[in-house]
Amino acid sequence: MQMEKVRDRAKKLGVKSARMKKEDLIRAIQKAEGNFPCFGTAGDFCDQFSCCWRDGCLEGENVKSPPSQGRSAGAKATKEV
């Protein structure tokens, strides 16, 4: 969904959208609607089937990827003997 439409929806709910990133604004809208403010945090699974943001969320629509949980780039593997 385009940012303009997201802002319009926020305005109708009384959510102030000034200087908010798209994903933060969508989470604020979710909260105002009484839903979980989880947009962009689910990875590849979401059990909120009635959420109107679900498709864009799972497709990664303008959402930053969460940090990886593996080893850091500079970490060395240790070998057990």
PDB file of N, CA and C in Angstrom:
ATOM      1  N   MET A   1       0.850  -1.172   0.000  1.00  0.00           N
ATOM      2  CA  MET A   1       0.000   0.000   0.000  1.00  0.00           C
ATOM      3  C   MET A   1       0.898   1.238   0.000  1.00  0.00           C
ATOM      4  N   GLN A   2       0.498   2.213  -0.771  1.00  0.00           N
ATOM      5  CA  GLN A   2       1.268   3.446  -0.872  1.00  0.00           C
ATOM      6  C   GLN A   2       1.169   4.240   0.429  1.00  0.00           C
ATOM      7  N   MET A   3       2.239   4.965   0.741  1.00  0.00           N
ATOM      8  CA  MET A   3       2.322   5.722   1.993  1.00  0.00           C
ATOM      9  C   MET A   3       1.164   6.710   2.133  1.00  0.00           C
ATOM     10  N   GLU A   4       0.742   7.307   1.041  1.00  0.00           N
ATOM     11  CA  GLU A   4      -0.366   8.265   1.089  1.00  0.00           C
ATOM     12  C   GLU A   4      -1.641   7.592   1.611  1.00  0.00           C
ATOM     13  N   LYS A   5      -1.900   6.383   1.152  1.00  0.00           N
ATOM     14  CA  LYS A   5      -3.080   5.646   1.605  1.00  0.00           C
ATOM     15  C   LYS A   5      -2.941   5.231   3.066  1.00  0.00           C
ATOM     16  N   VAL A   6      -1.724   4.887   3.467  1.00  0.00           N
ATOM     17  CA  VAL A   6      -1.476   4.523   4.862  1.00  0.00           C
ATOM     18  C   VAL A   6      -1.741   5.738   5.750  1.00  0.00           C
ATOM     19  N   ARG A   7      -1.247   6.907   5.335  1.00  0.00           N
ATOM     20  CA  ARG A   7      -1.473   8.140   6.110  1.00  0.00           C
ATOM     21  C   ARG A   7      -2.963   8.492   6.191  1.00  0.00           C
ATOM     22  N   ASP A   8      -3.685   8.300   5.094  1.00  0.00           N
ATOM     23  CA  ASP A   8      -5.124   8.566   5.101  1.00  0.00           C
ATOM     24  C   ASP A   8      -5.835   7.675   6.111  1.00  0.00           C
ATOM     25  N   ARG A   9      -5.472   6.414   6.129  1.00  0.00           N
ATOM     26  CA  ARG A   9      -6.085   5.468   7.069  1.00  0.00           C
ATOM     27  C   ARG A   9      -5.750   5.857   8.509  1.00  0.00           C
ATOM     28  N   ALA A  10      -4.504   6.268   8.728  1.00  0.00           N
ATOM     29  CA  ALA A  10      -4.080   6.705  10.055  1.00  0.00           C
ATOM     30  C   ALA A  10      -4.879   7.923  10.505  1.00  0.00           C
ATOM     31  N   LYS A  11      -5.058   8.859   9.602  1.00  0.00           N
ATOM     32  CA  LYS A  11      -5.797  10.085   9.919  1.00  0.00           C
ATOM     33  C   LYS A  11      -7.228   9.768  10.346  1.00  0.00           C
ATOM     34  N   LYS A  12      -7.865   8.833   9.641  1.00  0.00           N
ATOM     35  CA  LYS A  12      -9.234   8.452   9.981  1.00  0.00           C
ATOM     36  C   LYS A  12      -9.327   7.844  11.372  1.00  0.00           C
ATOM     37  N   LEU A  13      -8.240   7.243  11.830  1.00  0.00           N
ATOM     38  CA  LEU A  13      -8.218   6.625  13.155  1.00  0.00           C
ATOM     39  C   LEU A  13      -7.682   7.562  14.240  1.00  0.00           C
ATOM     40  N   GLY A  14      -7.274   8.762  13.822  1.00  0.00           N
ATOM     41  CA  GLY A  14      -6.725   9.718  14.780  1.00  0.00           C
ATOM     42  C   GLY A  14      -5.268   9.456  15.137  1.00  0.00           C
ATOM     43  N   VAL A  15      -4.575   8.701  14.303  1.00  0.00           N
ATOM     44  CA  VAL A  15      -3.162   8.405  14.527  1.00  0.00           C
ATOM     45  C   VAL A  15      -2.333   9.460  13.811  1.00  0.00           C
ATOM     46  N   LYS A  16      -1.447  10.116  14.538  1.00  0.00           N
ATOM     47  CA  LYS A  16      -0.595  11.139  13.937  1.00  0.00           C
ATOM     48  C   LYS A  16       0.546  10.460  13.203  1.00  0.00           C
ATOM     49  N   SER A  17       0.757  10.865  11.961  1.00  0.00           N
ATOM     50  CA  SER A  17       1.714  10.174  11.107  1.00  0.00           C
ATOM     51  C   SER A  17       2.973  10.975  10.799  1.00  0.00           C
ATOM     52  N   ALA A  18       3.110  12.147  11.374  1.00  0.00           N
ATOM     53  CA  ALA A  18       4.255  12.996  11.056  1.00  0.00           C
ATOM     54  C   ALA A  18       5.569  12.305  11.398  1.00  0.00           C
ATOM     55  N   ARG A  19       6.471  12.280  10.436  1.00  0.00           N
ATOM     56  CA  ARG A  19       7.827  11.779  10.584  1.00  0.00           C
ATOM     57  C   ARG A  19       7.914  10.303  10.971  1.00  0.00           C
ATOM     58  N   MET A  20       6.865   9.553  10.717  1.00  0.00           N
ATOM     59  CA  MET A  20       6.901   8.125  11.032  1.00  0.00           C
ATOM     60  C   MET A  20       7.268   7.333   9.790  1.00  0.00           C
ATOM     61  N   LYS A  21       8.076   6.300   9.988  1.00  0.00           N
ATOM     62  CA  LYS A  21       8.373   5.378   8.902  1.00  0.00           C
ATOM     63  C   LYS A  21       7.120   4.570   8.629  1.00  0.00           C
ATOM     64  N   LYS A  22       7.018   4.071   7.416  1.00  0.00           N
ATOM     65  CA  LYS A  22       5.830   3.347   6.998  1.00  0.00           C
ATOM     66  C   LYS A  22       5.513   2.178   7.927  1.00  0.00           C
ATOM     67  N   GLU A  23       6.519   1.351   8.240  1.00  0.00           N
ATOM     68  CA  GLU A  23       6.260   0.185   9.077  1.00  0.00           C
ATOM     69  C   GLU A  23       5.839   0.577  10.493  1.00  0.00           C
ATOM     70  N   ASP A  24       6.392   1.665  11.025  1.00  0.00           N
ATOM     71  CA  ASP A  24       5.990   2.136  12.355  1.00  0.00           C
ATOM     72  C   ASP A  24       4.570   2.682  12.338  1.00  0.00           C
ATOM     73  N   LEU A  25       4.222   3.373  11.268  1.00  0.00           N
ATOM     74  CA  LEU A  25       2.867   3.915  11.139  1.00  0.00           C
ATOM     75  C   LEU A  25       1.844   2.794  11.021  1.00  0.00           C
ATOM     76  N   ILE A  26       2.163   1.783  10.255  1.00  0.00           N
ATOM     77  CA  ILE A  26       1.241   0.654  10.122  1.00  0.00           C
ATOM     78  C   ILE A  26       1.050  -0.028  11.467  1.00  0.00           C
ATOM     79  N   ARG A  27       2.126  -0.180  12.241  1.00  0.00           N
ATOM     80  CA  ARG A  27       2.000  -0.778  13.581  1.00  0.00           C
ATOM     81  C   ARG A  27       1.118   0.087  14.483  1.00  0.00           C
ATOM     82  N   ALA A  28       1.246   1.410  14.366  1.00  0.00           N
ATOM     83  CA  ALA A  28       0.397   2.311  15.157  1.00  0.00           C
ATOM     84  C   ALA A  28      -1.064   2.167  14.750  1.00  0.00           C
ATOM     85  N   ILE A  29      -1.318   2.000  13.462  1.00  0.00           N
ATOM     86  CA  ILE A  29      -2.679   1.782  12.968  1.00  0.00           C
ATOM     87  C   ILE A  29      -3.201   0.458  13.492  1.00  0.00           C
ATOM     88  N   GLN A  30      -2.382  -0.587  13.430  1.00  0.00           N
ATOM     89  CA  GLN A  30      -2.802  -1.898  13.939  1.00  0.00           C
ATOM     90  C   GLN A  30      -3.217  -1.780  15.407  1.00  0.00           C
ATOM     91  N   LYS A  31      -2.412  -1.080  16.189  1.00  0.00           N
ATOM     92  CA  LYS A  31      -2.707  -0.906  17.616  1.00  0.00           C
ATOM     93  C   LYS A  31      -4.006  -0.126  17.811  1.00  0.00           C
ATOM     94  N   ALA A  32      -4.201   0.944  17.040  1.00  0.00           N
ATOM     95  CA  ALA A  32      -5.416   1.757  17.138  1.00  0.00           C
ATOM     96  C   ALA A  32      -6.660   0.960  16.767  1.00  0.00           C
ATOM     97  N   GLU A  33      -6.499  -0.031  15.897  1.00  0.00           N
ATOM     98  CA  GLU A  33      -7.617  -0.875  15.488  1.00  0.00           C
ATOM     99  C   GLU A  33      -7.856  -2.030  16.469  1.00  0.00           C
ATOM    100  N   GLY A  34      -7.005  -2.136  17.492  1.00  0.00           N
ATOM    101  CA  GLY A  34      -7.159  -3.195  18.477  1.00  0.00           C
ATOM    102  C   GLY A  34      -6.496  -4.494  18.095  1.00  0.00           C
ATOM    103  N   ASN A  35      -5.548  -4.428  17.164  1.00  0.00           N
ATOM    104  CA  ASN A  35      -4.825  -5.613  16.708  1.00  0.00           C
ATOM    105  C   ASN A  35      -3.405  -5.603  17.257  1.00  0.00           C
ATOM    106  N   PHE A  36      -2.701  -6.697  17.038  1.00  0.00           N
ATOM    107  CA  PHE A  36      -1.298  -6.769  17.422  1.00  0.00           C
ATOM    108  C   PHE A  36      -0.492  -5.823  16.538  1.00  0.00           C
ATOM    109  N   PRO A  37       0.375  -4.989  17.107  1.00  0.00           N
ATOM    110  CA  PRO A  37       1.225  -4.107  16.300  1.00  0.00           C
ATOM    111  C   PRO A  37       2.469  -4.862  15.828  1.00  0.00           C
ATOM    112  N   CYS A  38       2.283  -5.718  14.844  1.00  0.00           N
ATOM    113  CA  CYS A  38       3.339  -6.662  14.479  1.00  0.00           C
ATOM    114  C   CYS A  38       3.819  -6.559  13.036  1.00  0.00           C
ATOM    115  N   PHE A  39       3.389  -5.577  12.283  1.00  0.00           N
ATOM    116  CA  PHE A  39       3.729  -5.486  10.864  1.00  0.00           C
ATOM    117  C   PHE A  39       5.232  -5.605  10.639  1.00  0.00           C
ATOM    118  N   GLY A  40       5.614  -6.536   9.791  1.00  0.00           N
ATOM    119  CA  GLY A  40       7.007  -6.700   9.413  1.00  0.00           C
ATOM    120  C   GLY A  40       7.856  -7.477  10.388  1.00  0.00           C
ATOM    121  N   THR A  41       7.268  -8.047  11.417  1.00  0.00           N
ATOM    122  CA  THR A  41       8.059  -8.758  12.412  1.00  0.00           C
ATOM    123  C   THR A  41       7.865 -10.266  12.364  1.00  0.00           C
ATOM    124  N   ALA A  42       6.956 -10.753  11.538  1.00  0.00           N
ATOM    125  CA  ALA A  42       6.592 -12.169  11.553  1.00  0.00           C
ATOM    126  C   ALA A  42       7.536 -13.074  10.791  1.00  0.00           C
ATOM    127  N   GLY A  43       8.384 -12.548   9.959  1.00  0.00           N
ATOM    128  CA  GLY A  43       9.226 -13.408   9.125  1.00  0.00           C
ATOM    129  C   GLY A  43       8.393 -13.977   7.996  1.00  0.00           C
ATOM    130  N   ASP A  44       8.271 -15.297   7.931  1.00  0.00           N
ATOM    131  CA  ASP A  44       7.518 -15.912   6.838  1.00  0.00           C
ATOM    132  C   ASP A  44       6.234 -16.586   7.294  1.00  0.00           C
ATOM    133  N   PHE A  45       5.823 -16.361   8.543  1.00  0.00           N
ATOM    134  CA  PHE A  45       4.584 -16.957   9.043  1.00  0.00           C
ATOM    135  C   PHE A  45       3.791 -15.927   9.832  1.00  0.00           C
ATOM    136  N   CYS A  46       2.486 -15.946   9.616  1.00  0.00           N
ATOM    137  CA  CYS A  46       1.593 -15.047  10.347  1.00  0.00           C
ATOM    138  C   CYS A  46       0.269 -15.755  10.565  1.00  0.00           C
ATOM    139  N   ASP A  47      -0.209 -15.753  11.808  1.00  0.00           N
ATOM    140  CA  ASP A  47      -1.486 -16.391  12.100  1.00  0.00           C
ATOM    141  C   ASP A  47      -2.638 -15.389  12.188  1.00  0.00           C
ATOM    142  N   GLN A  48      -2.384 -14.148  11.798  1.00  0.00           N
ATOM    143  CA  GLN A  48      -3.413 -13.101  11.806  1.00  0.00           C
ATOM    144  C   GLN A  48      -4.063 -13.035  10.422  1.00  0.00           C
ATOM    145  N   PHE A  49      -4.910 -14.018  10.139  1.00  0.00           N
ATOM    146  CA  PHE A  49      -5.470 -14.172   8.800  1.00  0.00           C
ATOM    147  C   PHE A  49      -6.417 -13.054   8.381  1.00  0.00           C
ATOM    148  N   SER A  50      -7.013 -12.355   9.341  1.00  0.00           N
ATOM    149  CA  SER A  50      -7.955 -11.298   8.985  1.00  0.00           C
ATOM    150  C   SER A  50      -7.299  -9.915   8.912  1.00  0.00           C
ATOM    151  N   CYS A  51      -6.004  -9.837   9.126  1.00  0.00           N
ATOM    152  CA  CYS A  51      -5.300  -8.554   9.098  1.00  0.00           C
ATOM    153  C   CYS A  51      -5.225  -8.028   7.667  1.00  0.00           C
ATOM    154  N   CYS A  52      -5.597  -6.780   7.475  1.00  0.00           N
ATOM    155  CA  CYS A  52      -5.581  -6.206   6.126  1.00  0.00           C
ATOM    156  C   CYS A  52      -4.161  -5.912   5.640  1.00  0.00           C
ATOM    157  N   TRP A  53      -3.172  -5.940   6.507  1.00  0.00           N
ATOM    158  CA  TRP A  53      -1.786  -5.671   6.142  1.00  0.00           C
ATOM    159  C   TRP A  53      -1.015  -6.955   5.863  1.00  0.00           C
ATOM    160  N   ARG A  54      -1.637  -8.095   6.054  1.00  0.00           N
ATOM    161  CA  ARG A  54      -0.962  -9.399   6.028  1.00  0.00           C
ATOM    162  C   ARG A  54      -0.159  -9.646   4.743  1.00  0.00           C
ATOM    163  N   ASP A  55      -0.754  -9.434   3.595  1.00  0.00           N
ATOM    164  CA  ASP A  55      -0.061  -9.716   2.335  1.00  0.00           C
ATOM    165  C   ASP A  55       1.197  -8.870   2.178  1.00  0.00           C
ATOM    166  N   GLY A  56       1.076  -7.583   2.421  1.00  0.00           N
ATOM    167  CA  GLY A  56       2.234  -6.694   2.306  1.00  0.00           C
ATOM    168  C   GLY A  56       3.301  -7.008   3.337  1.00  0.00           C
ATOM    169  N   CYS A  57       2.864  -7.424   4.503  1.00  0.00           N
ATOM    170  CA  CYS A  57       3.788  -7.769   5.574  1.00  0.00           C
ATOM    171  C   CYS A  57       4.617  -8.988   5.199  1.00  0.00           C
ATOM    172  N   LEU A  58       3.959 -10.036   4.769  1.00  0.00           N
ATOM    173  CA  LEU A  58       4.666 -11.267   4.428  1.00  0.00           C
ATOM    174  C   LEU A  58       5.499 -11.132   3.164  1.00  0.00           C
ATOM    175  N   GLU A  59       5.124 -10.220   2.286  1.00  0.00           N
ATOM    176  CA  GLU A  59       5.900  -9.980   1.064  1.00  0.00           C
ATOM    177  C   GLU A  59       7.093  -9.078   1.337  1.00  0.00           C
ATOM    178  N   GLY A  60       7.169  -8.536   2.551  1.00  0.00           N
ATOM    179  CA  GLY A  60       8.281  -7.651   2.893  1.00  0.00           C
ATOM    180  C   GLY A  60       8.139  -6.273   2.295  1.00  0.00           C
ATOM    181  N   GLU A  61       6.921  -5.810   2.123  1.00  0.00           N
ATOM    182  CA  GLU A  61       6.638  -4.513   1.506  1.00  0.00           C
ATOM    183  C   GLU A  61       7.247  -3.381   2.323  1.00  0.00           C
ATOM    184  N   ASN A  62       8.378  -2.832   1.838  1.00  0.00           N
ATOM    185  CA  ASN A  62       9.054  -1.709   2.490  1.00  0.00           C
ATOM    186  C   ASN A  62       9.383  -1.986   3.948  1.00  0.00           C
ATOM    187  N   VAL A  63       9.722  -3.209   4.261  1.00  0.00           N
ATOM    188  CA  VAL A  63      10.047  -3.568   5.634  1.00  0.00           C
ATOM    189  C   VAL A  63      11.490  -4.028   5.682  1.00  0.00           C
ATOM    190  N   LYS A  64      12.195  -3.555   6.688  1.00  0.00           N
ATOM    191  CA  LYS A  64      13.581  -3.972   6.857  1.00  0.00           C
ATOM    192  C   LYS A  64      13.604  -5.388   7.417  1.00  0.00           C
ATOM    193  N   SER A  65      14.569  -6.160   7.005  1.00  0.00           N
ATOM    194  CA  SER A  65      14.716  -7.516   7.506  1.00  0.00           C
ATOM    195  C   SER A  65      15.192  -7.476   8.948  1.00  0.00           C
ATOM    196  N   PRO A  66      14.697  -8.402   9.780  1.00  0.00           N
ATOM    197  CA  PRO A  66      15.194  -8.450  11.148  1.00  0.00           C
ATOM    198  C   PRO A  66      16.645  -8.900  11.138  1.00  0.00           C
ATOM    199  N   PRO A  67      17.415  -8.539  12.171  1.00  0.00           N
ATOM    200  CA  PRO A  67      18.811  -8.950  12.194  1.00  0.00           C
ATOM    201  C   PRO A  67      18.929 -10.460  12.231  1.00  0.00           C
ATOM    202  N   SER A  68      19.977 -10.989  11.591  1.00  0.00           N
ATOM    203  CA  SER A  68      20.154 -12.438  11.581  1.00  0.00           C
ATOM    204  C   SER A  68      20.533 -12.908  12.970  1.00  0.00           C
ATOM    205  N   GLN A  69      20.193 -14.147  13.263  1.00  0.00           N
ATOM    206  CA  GLN A  69      20.465 -14.672  14.587  1.00  0.00           C
ATOM    207  C   GLN A  69      21.626 -15.654  14.581  1.00  0.00           C
ATOM    208  N   GLY A  70      22.316 -15.745  13.480  1.00  0.00           N
ATOM    209  CA  GLY A  70      23.465 -16.638  13.376  1.00  0.00           C
ATOM    210  C   GLY A  70      24.697 -15.972  13.966  1.00  0.00           C
ATOM    211  N   ARG A  71      25.850 -16.560  13.662  1.00  0.00           N
ATOM    212  CA  ARG A  71      27.100 -15.972  14.122  1.00  0.00           C
ATOM    213  C   ARG A  71      27.345 -14.653  13.428  1.00  0.00           C
ATOM    214  N   SER A  72      28.085 -13.784  14.094  1.00  0.00           N
ATOM    215  CA  SER A  72      28.429 -12.521  13.474  1.00  0.00           C
ATOM    216  C   SER A  72      29.448 -12.784  12.372  1.00  0.00           C
ATOM    217  N   ALA A  73      29.589 -11.824  11.469  1.00  0.00           N
ATOM    218  CA  ALA A  73      30.451 -12.010  10.302  1.00  0.00           C
ATOM    219  C   ALA A  73      31.897 -12.286  10.695  1.00  0.00           C
ATOM    220  N   GLY A  74      32.360 -11.745  11.811  1.00  0.00           N
ATOM    221  CA  GLY A  74      33.744 -11.915  12.209  1.00  0.00           C
ATOM    222  C   GLY A  74      33.969 -13.116  13.112  1.00  0.00           C
ATOM    223  N   ALA A  75      32.947 -13.844  13.480  1.00  0.00           N
ATOM    224  CA  ALA A  75      33.103 -14.975  14.396  1.00  0.00           C
ATOM    225  C   ALA A  75      33.775 -16.144  13.710  1.00  0.00           C
ATOM    226  N   LYS A  76      34.640 -16.815  14.457  1.00  0.00           N
ATOM    227  CA  LYS A  76      35.339 -17.962  13.919  1.00  0.00           C
ATOM    228  C   LYS A  76      34.674 -19.233  14.432  1.00  0.00           C
ATOM    229  N   ALA A  77      34.608 -20.219  13.592  1.00  0.00           N
ATOM    230  CA  ALA A  77      34.043 -21.504  14.003  1.00  0.00           C
ATOM    231  C   ALA A  77      35.078 -22.233  14.848  1.00  0.00           C
ATOM    232  N   THR A  78      34.581 -22.940  15.868  1.00  0.00           N
ATOM    233  CA  THR A  78      35.485 -23.740  16.683  1.00  0.00           C
ATOM    234  C   THR A  78      35.268 -25.204  16.347  1.00  0.00           C
ATOM    235  N   LYS A  79      36.348 -25.935  16.364  1.00  0.00           N
ATOM    236  CA  LYS A  79      36.277 -27.353  16.011  1.00  0.00           C
ATOM    237  C   LYS A  79      36.457 -28.182  17.268  1.00  0.00           C
ATOM    238  N   GLU A  80      35.493 -29.066  17.518  1.00  0.00           N
ATOM    239  CA  GLU A  80      35.612 -29.932  18.687  1.00  0.00           C
ATOM    240  C   GLU A  80      36.500 -31.099  18.361  1.00  0.00           C
ATOM    241  N   VAL A  81      37.277 -31.529  19.347  1.00  0.00           N
ATOM    242  CA  VAL A  81      38.201 -32.647  19.151  1.00  0.00           C
ATOM    243  C   VAL A  81      37.669 -33.872  19.812  1.00  0.00           C
TER     244      VAL A  81
END
